[in-house]
Amino acid sequence: MMTAWMLLAAYILDRLIGDPRWLPHPVVGMGKVIAATEKRLRRIMGRWKERAALTPTRVRLLGIVLPVVVAGGAFAVTWLLVILAEAVHPWLGWGLETVLVATTIATKGLADAGKAIWSPLVKGNLAEARRALSMVVGRDIERLDEGEIVRGGVETIAENIVDAVTAPLFFAAIGGAPLAMAYRAVNTLDAMVGYRDERYLYLGWASARLDDVVNWLPARLTVWPMLAAMVFLRLDGRHAWQIIRRDAHRHPSPNSGIPEAAMAGGLGIRLGGTNWYRGVPSHRGYLGDPKEALHPRHICESIRVLYWTTGLYVCILAVAIIGIDVAAR
């Protein structure tokens, strides 16, 4: 039952204070470890290249080092910290674990990022809206019009309902803060090296595939509280389910297409289309039907879906854990 209360406390803590900028965040440390590890791996690749021994297979095998070092290290360090805190006092261990789990989720941060995009949009300040969008997406933003900015904001919120909230909560439920932190490390690896361009096609493949694997179940478990949230908010939950079944597979990711398709269906908008990355176009399949033109209010509606979905999700997890605990007794 302590795990159930820990999840609820961590979620509430994140909703209240988010990630204060003055407080060091684990993801920043993970990013530094990833960069340092990649630098050393590329030195090895350089020596192989000098000996004409650099092959795609070898680079792929070398790419496995990244998740082993980063995710494994995140798990080990977090586990050690929690164990040491519990040795001092059980409540200290519980408190530390709660705080650590709160750092792996970003409900408030995601909502704040959406609001930062919405606010200048309603004032007609496209330049500021583009700048705010650039903080959360990797696509080129210089020429985006209002509709495309809205699309980027809604897609980011929808995708990160899983990546930034429900998935880390799921792993916290089954493995506490150490496993939640390991998940966050995998997610950070995918964001930094999980690209299919020339630089990371082979070195980042293990990180990208591992991210797909660990998000597979959380993405699907998120569907039901997300549909329920849409019913509570008087959105089109039935159409959201239809769009998930029809369009989710069109997304390049086997997982991100699920919450994005649900959001598109529930809001009655169309997501997907052509994004530009460093001047190179990348077309994604369309999700949803354009019943409504993309409008800044859709960002606000997606934030409401975020709040309701994640709130329902953490309550369901807590109840499930308590039920399992009671049944075990």
Protein backbone atom coordinates (compact mmCIF):
# COMPACT_ATOMS: atom_id res chain seq x y z
CA MET A 1 0.00 0.00 0.00
CA MET A 2 2.96 2.30 0.57
CA THR A 3 3.67 2.08 -3.17
CA ALA A 4 0.12 3.20 -3.96
CA TRP A 5 0.42 6.20 -1.64
CA MET A 6 3.86 6.95 -3.07
CA LEU A 7 2.46 7.12 -6.63
CA LEU A 8 -0.37 9.40 -5.58
CA ALA A 9 1.95 11.65 -3.59
CA ALA A 10 4.47 11.85 -6.45
CA TYR A 11 1.75 12.75 -8.94
CA ILE A 12 0.30 15.44 -6.68
CA LEU A 13 3.77 16.82 -6.02
CA ASP A 14 4.42 17.10 -9.74
CA ARG A 15 1.04 18.74 -10.37
CA LEU A 16 1.76 21.31 -7.66
CA ILE A 17 5.38 22.29 -8.28
CA GLY A 18 6.53 20.50 -11.43
CA ASP A 19 10.27 20.79 -12.02
CA PRO A 20 11.56 24.04 -10.46
CA ARG A 21 14.45 25.44 -12.49
CA TRP A 22 16.54 26.04 -9.38
CA LEU A 23 16.41 22.33 -8.50
CA PRO A 24 18.88 20.01 -10.33
CA HIS A 25 16.96 17.54 -12.49
CA PRO A 26 18.07 13.93 -13.10
CA VAL A 27 17.43 14.22 -16.85
CA VAL A 28 20.12 16.91 -17.08
CA GLY A 29 22.60 14.52 -15.51
CA MET A 30 21.45 11.74 -17.83
CA GLY A 31 22.03 14.00 -20.82
CA LYS A 32 25.60 14.66 -19.72
CA VAL A 33 26.27 10.95 -19.22
CA ILE A 34 24.81 10.17 -22.65
CA ALA A 35 26.96 12.83 -24.32
CA ALA A 36 30.10 11.63 -22.54
CA THR A 37 29.41 7.98 -23.35
CA GLU A 38 28.68 8.76 -26.98
CA LYS A 39 31.94 10.72 -27.24
CA ARG A 40 33.94 7.73 -26.01
CA LEU A 41 32.10 5.33 -28.30
CA ARG A 42 32.85 7.55 -31.29
CA ARG A 43 36.53 7.46 -30.38
CA ILE A 44 36.37 3.69 -30.62
CA MET A 45 34.57 4.01 -33.95
CA GLY A 46 37.32 6.37 -35.13
CA ARG A 47 40.01 3.80 -34.34
CA TRP A 48 38.02 1.11 -36.14
CA LYS A 49 37.69 3.38 -39.15
CA GLU A 50 41.45 3.93 -39.25
CA ARG A 51 41.91 0.15 -39.40
CA ALA A 52 39.15 -0.25 -42.00
CA ALA A 53 37.23 -2.33 -39.46
CA LEU A 54 34.19 -0.08 -39.06
CA THR A 55 31.04 -1.97 -40.10
CA PRO A 56 27.31 -1.36 -39.45
CA THR A 57 27.13 -4.56 -37.38
CA ARG A 58 29.95 -3.46 -35.10
CA VAL A 59 28.41 -0.04 -34.63
CA ARG A 60 25.06 -1.63 -33.79
CA LEU A 61 26.72 -3.80 -31.15
CA LEU A 62 28.50 -0.74 -29.82
CA GLY A 63 25.15 1.03 -29.63
CA ILE A 64 23.99 -1.47 -27.01
CA VAL A 65 26.51 0.07 -24.63
CA LEU A 66 24.49 3.29 -24.41
CA PRO A 67 21.32 1.89 -22.78
CA VAL A 68 23.33 -0.54 -20.65
CA VAL A 69 25.49 2.25 -19.21
CA VAL A 70 22.87 5.00 -18.98
CA ALA A 71 19.70 3.09 -18.04
CA GLY A 72 21.59 0.56 -15.94
CA GLY A 73 23.49 3.33 -14.20
CA ALA A 74 20.30 5.30 -13.50
CA PHE A 75 18.70 2.23 -11.93
CA ALA A 76 21.76 1.41 -9.81
CA VAL A 77 22.32 4.94 -8.50
CA THR A 78 18.64 5.43 -7.64
CA TRP A 79 18.41 2.03 -5.92
CA LEU A 80 21.48 2.83 -3.83
CA LEU A 81 20.12 6.23 -2.77
CA VAL A 82 16.78 4.75 -1.72
CA ILE A 83 18.43 1.89 0.18
CA LEU A 84 20.69 4.31 2.06
CA ALA A 85 17.75 6.56 2.92
CA GLU A 86 15.71 3.59 4.16
CA ALA A 87 18.64 2.51 6.33
CA VAL A 88 18.41 5.86 8.12
CA HIS A 89 14.60 5.67 8.48
CA PRO A 90 11.85 3.94 6.46
CA TRP A 91 9.91 7.20 6.11
CA LEU A 92 13.00 8.96 4.78
CA GLY A 93 13.31 6.25 2.15
CA TRP A 94 9.63 6.60 1.25
CA GLY A 95 9.92 10.37 1.03
CA LEU A 96 13.02 10.25 -1.14
CA GLU A 97 11.44 7.70 -3.45
CA THR A 98 8.35 9.87 -3.78
CA VAL A 99 10.43 12.90 -4.75
CA LEU A 100 12.50 10.87 -7.23
CA VAL A 101 9.40 9.44 -8.91
CA ALA A 102 7.96 12.97 -9.13
CA THR A 103 11.04 14.01 -11.11
CA THR A 104 10.36 11.29 -13.69
CA ILE A 105 6.90 12.64 -14.55
CA ALA A 106 6.06 16.00 -16.07
CA THR A 107 2.34 16.71 -15.99
CA LYS A 108 2.77 20.32 -14.93
CA GLY A 109 5.78 20.87 -17.17
CA LEU A 110 3.92 19.53 -20.19
CA ALA A 111 0.86 21.65 -19.46
CA ASP A 112 3.04 24.73 -18.94
CA ALA A 113 4.77 24.09 -22.27
CA GLY A 114 1.37 23.92 -23.98
CA LYS A 115 0.24 27.14 -22.32
CA ALA A 116 3.48 28.85 -23.41
CA ILE A 117 2.56 28.04 -27.02
CA TRP A 118 -1.12 28.95 -26.65
CA SER A 119 -0.63 32.33 -24.96
CA PRO A 120 1.25 34.12 -27.77
CA LEU A 121 -0.94 32.45 -30.38
CA VAL A 122 -4.11 34.06 -29.07
CA LYS A 123 -2.27 37.40 -29.10
CA GLY A 124 -1.25 36.89 -32.73
CA ASN A 125 2.46 36.65 -31.87
CA LEU A 126 3.51 33.80 -34.16
CA ALA A 127 7.24 34.41 -33.64
CA GLU A 128 6.96 33.87 -29.88
CA ALA A 129 4.66 30.87 -30.39
CA ARG A 130 7.21 29.32 -32.74
CA ARG A 131 9.96 29.90 -30.19
CA ALA A 132 7.90 28.23 -27.47
CA LEU A 133 7.17 25.28 -29.76
CA SER A 134 10.88 24.91 -30.57
CA MET A 135 11.51 24.18 -26.88
CA VAL A 136 9.55 20.92 -27.09
CA VAL A 137 9.91 19.68 -30.68
CA GLY A 138 12.81 18.93 -32.98
CA ARG A 139 11.13 19.98 -36.23
CA ASP A 140 11.99 23.17 -38.12
CA ILE A 141 9.65 25.92 -36.94
CA GLU A 142 10.70 29.02 -38.89
CA ARG A 143 7.88 28.94 -41.45
CA LEU A 144 5.04 27.37 -39.47
CA ASP A 145 1.67 29.10 -39.62
CA GLU A 146 -0.87 29.15 -36.78
CA GLY A 147 -2.43 25.82 -37.69
CA GLU A 148 0.91 24.03 -37.88
CA ILE A 149 2.00 25.52 -34.56
CA VAL A 150 -1.22 24.26 -32.98
CA ARG A 151 -0.65 20.84 -34.54
CA GLY A 152 2.85 20.69 -33.08
CA GLY A 153 1.59 21.66 -29.63
CA VAL A 154 -1.29 19.16 -29.59
CA GLU A 155 0.89 16.33 -30.93
CA THR A 156 3.52 17.02 -28.27
CA ILE A 157 0.99 16.99 -25.44
CA ALA A 158 -0.71 13.84 -26.72
CA GLU A 159 2.51 11.88 -27.24
CA ASN A 160 3.94 12.88 -23.88
CA ILE A 161 0.87 11.82 -21.94
CA VAL A 162 2.54 8.40 -22.23
CA ASP A 163 6.24 9.29 -22.40
CA ALA A 164 6.22 11.87 -19.61
CA VAL A 165 3.49 10.65 -17.26
CA THR A 166 1.75 7.30 -17.60
CA ALA A 167 4.80 5.22 -18.59
CA PRO A 168 7.08 6.36 -15.73
CA LEU A 169 4.16 5.90 -13.30
CA PHE A 170 3.66 2.37 -14.63
CA PHE A 171 7.30 1.46 -14.04
CA ALA A 172 7.26 3.14 -10.63
CA ALA A 173 4.29 0.93 -9.74
CA ILE A 174 6.18 -2.27 -10.52
CA GLY A 175 9.74 -1.29 -9.60
CA GLY A 176 9.65 1.91 -7.58
CA ALA A 177 11.87 4.91 -8.23
CA PRO A 178 14.82 2.85 -9.59
CA LEU A 179 12.78 1.40 -12.45
CA ALA A 180 11.01 4.71 -13.12
CA MET A 181 14.39 6.42 -13.36
CA ALA A 182 15.70 3.70 -15.68
CA TYR A 183 12.67 4.30 -17.90
CA ARG A 184 13.38 8.03 -17.93
CA ALA A 185 16.95 7.24 -18.99
CA VAL A 186 15.70 5.12 -21.90
CA ASN A 187 13.32 7.89 -22.94
CA THR A 188 16.11 10.46 -22.77
CA LEU A 189 18.37 8.21 -24.84
CA ASP A 190 15.70 7.95 -27.54
CA ALA A 191 15.30 11.74 -27.58
CA MET A 192 19.06 12.29 -27.95
CA VAL A 193 20.31 9.43 -30.13
CA GLY A 194 17.23 7.56 -31.38
CA TYR A 195 17.24 9.12 -34.83
CA ARG A 196 17.28 7.36 -38.19
CA ASP A 197 19.67 9.80 -39.81
CA GLU A 198 23.21 9.06 -40.96
CA ARG A 199 24.75 9.97 -37.61
CA TYR A 200 22.61 7.72 -35.39
CA LEU A 201 21.13 5.07 -37.70
CA TYR A 202 23.34 2.34 -36.25
CA LEU A 203 24.72 3.80 -33.01
CA GLY A 204 21.27 4.78 -31.76
CA TRP A 205 19.27 1.78 -32.94
CA ALA A 206 19.36 -0.07 -29.59
CA SER A 207 18.17 3.00 -27.69
CA ALA A 208 15.34 3.62 -30.16
CA ARG A 209 14.18 -0.01 -30.18
CA LEU A 210 14.34 -0.26 -26.38
CA ASP A 211 12.18 2.86 -26.11
CA ASP A 212 9.60 1.23 -28.39
CA VAL A 213 9.61 -1.92 -26.24
CA VAL A 214 9.24 -0.24 -22.84
CA ASN A 215 6.45 2.07 -24.06
CA TRP A 216 4.41 -0.68 -25.75
CA LEU A 217 2.27 -1.69 -22.76
CA PRO A 218 1.96 1.75 -21.08
CA ALA A 219 0.73 3.28 -24.35
CA ARG A 220 -2.05 0.72 -24.60
CA LEU A 221 -2.99 0.92 -20.93
CA THR A 222 -3.38 4.68 -21.33
CA VAL A 223 -6.14 4.30 -23.92
CA TRP A 224 -8.93 3.56 -21.44
CA PRO A 225 -8.42 6.42 -18.99
CA MET A 226 -7.89 8.70 -21.99
CA LEU A 227 -11.22 7.69 -23.51
CA ALA A 228 -12.89 8.04 -20.11
CA ALA A 229 -11.39 11.51 -19.75
CA MET A 230 -12.88 12.52 -23.07
CA VAL A 231 -16.31 11.32 -21.97
CA PHE A 232 -16.05 13.37 -18.75
CA LEU A 233 -14.96 16.40 -20.77
CA ARG A 234 -17.83 15.91 -23.24
CA LEU A 235 -15.48 15.30 -26.12
CA ASP A 236 -16.05 12.61 -28.75
CA GLY A 237 -14.70 9.52 -26.99
CA ARG A 238 -16.40 7.13 -29.42
CA HIS A 239 -14.80 8.82 -32.41
CA ALA A 240 -11.44 8.80 -30.58
CA TRP A 241 -11.67 5.00 -30.30
CA GLN A 242 -12.54 4.72 -33.99
CA ILE A 243 -9.56 6.87 -34.98
CA ILE A 244 -7.20 4.82 -32.78
CA ARG A 245 -8.28 1.65 -34.58
CA ARG A 246 -8.16 3.27 -38.02
CA ASP A 247 -5.16 5.57 -37.91
CA ALA A 248 -2.78 4.82 -35.01
CA HIS A 249 -0.69 2.47 -37.16
CA ARG A 250 0.04 5.29 -39.60
CA HIS A 251 2.37 6.96 -37.10
CA PRO A 252 6.09 6.07 -37.43
CA SER A 253 6.12 5.05 -33.77
CA PRO A 254 4.23 1.89 -32.72
CA ASN A 255 3.27 3.68 -29.50
CA SER A 256 2.99 7.44 -30.06
CA GLY A 257 0.32 6.98 -32.70
CA ILE A 258 -2.11 5.70 -30.06
CA PRO A 259 -2.45 8.82 -27.85
CA GLU A 260 -2.08 11.12 -30.86
CA ALA A 261 -4.85 9.33 -32.77
CA ALA A 262 -7.05 9.39 -29.66
CA MET A 263 -6.48 13.13 -29.24
CA ALA A 264 -7.21 13.80 -32.91
CA GLY A 265 -10.44 11.81 -32.78
CA GLY A 266 -11.62 13.28 -29.50
CA LEU A 267 -11.01 16.88 -30.58
CA GLY A 268 -12.34 16.37 -34.11
CA ILE A 269 -9.10 17.55 -35.76
CA ARG A 270 -6.48 16.07 -38.05
CA LEU A 271 -2.90 15.59 -36.87
CA GLY A 272 0.12 14.36 -38.79
CA GLY A 273 1.37 15.59 -42.14
CA THR A 274 4.74 16.89 -43.29
CA ASN A 275 7.37 18.01 -40.80
CA TRP A 276 10.75 19.45 -41.74
CA TYR A 277 13.94 18.46 -39.94
CA ARG A 278 17.09 20.43 -40.80
CA GLY A 279 15.58 21.29 -44.15
CA VAL A 280 14.59 17.70 -44.98
CA PRO A 281 10.86 16.89 -45.30
CA SER A 282 9.40 13.95 -43.40
CA HIS A 283 5.79 13.00 -44.06
CA ARG A 284 3.74 11.28 -41.38
CA GLY A 285 0.41 9.65 -42.03
CA TYR A 286 -2.67 11.68 -41.15
CA LEU A 287 -4.46 10.91 -37.89
CA GLY A 288 -8.11 11.86 -37.57
CA ASP A 289 -10.60 13.74 -39.70
CA PRO A 290 -10.48 17.54 -40.10
CA LYS A 291 -13.96 18.19 -38.71
CA GLU A 292 -12.61 21.42 -37.26
CA ALA A 293 -9.78 23.68 -38.42
CA LEU A 294 -6.83 23.70 -36.03
CA HIS A 295 -7.30 26.52 -33.52
CA PRO A 296 -5.39 27.64 -30.40
CA ARG A 297 -8.27 26.42 -28.22
CA HIS A 298 -7.36 22.85 -29.20
CA ILE A 299 -4.14 23.23 -27.20
CA CYS A 300 -6.19 24.12 -24.12
CA GLU A 301 -8.50 21.17 -24.73
CA SER A 302 -5.53 18.82 -25.05
CA ILE A 303 -4.20 20.09 -21.70
CA ARG A 304 -7.54 19.29 -20.08
CA VAL A 305 -7.35 15.78 -21.56
CA LEU A 306 -3.81 15.51 -20.15
CA TYR A 307 -4.96 16.42 -16.64
CA TRP A 308 -7.97 14.11 -16.60
CA THR A 309 -6.22 11.17 -18.26
CA THR A 310 -3.23 11.19 -15.94
CA GLY A 311 -5.35 11.78 -12.84
CA LEU A 312 -7.58 8.82 -13.66
CA TYR A 313 -4.58 6.70 -14.59
CA VAL A 314 -2.70 7.20 -11.31
CA CYS A 315 -5.88 6.50 -9.31
CA ILE A 316 -6.46 3.27 -11.26
CA LEU A 317 -2.84 2.22 -10.61
CA ALA A 318 -3.16 2.95 -6.91
CA VAL A 319 -6.42 1.02 -6.60
CA ALA A 320 -4.95 -1.91 -8.53
CA ILE A 321 -1.91 -2.04 -6.26
CA ILE A 322 -4.07 -1.91 -3.11
CA GLY A 323 -6.32 -4.63 -4.54
CA ILE A 324 -3.35 -6.89 -5.27
CA ASP A 325 -1.98 -6.24 -1.78
CA VAL A 326 -5.29 -7.10 -0.12
CA ALA A 327 -5.71 -10.24 -2.26
CA ALA A 328 -2.19 -11.37 -1.37
CA ARG A 329 -3.07 -11.23 2.32
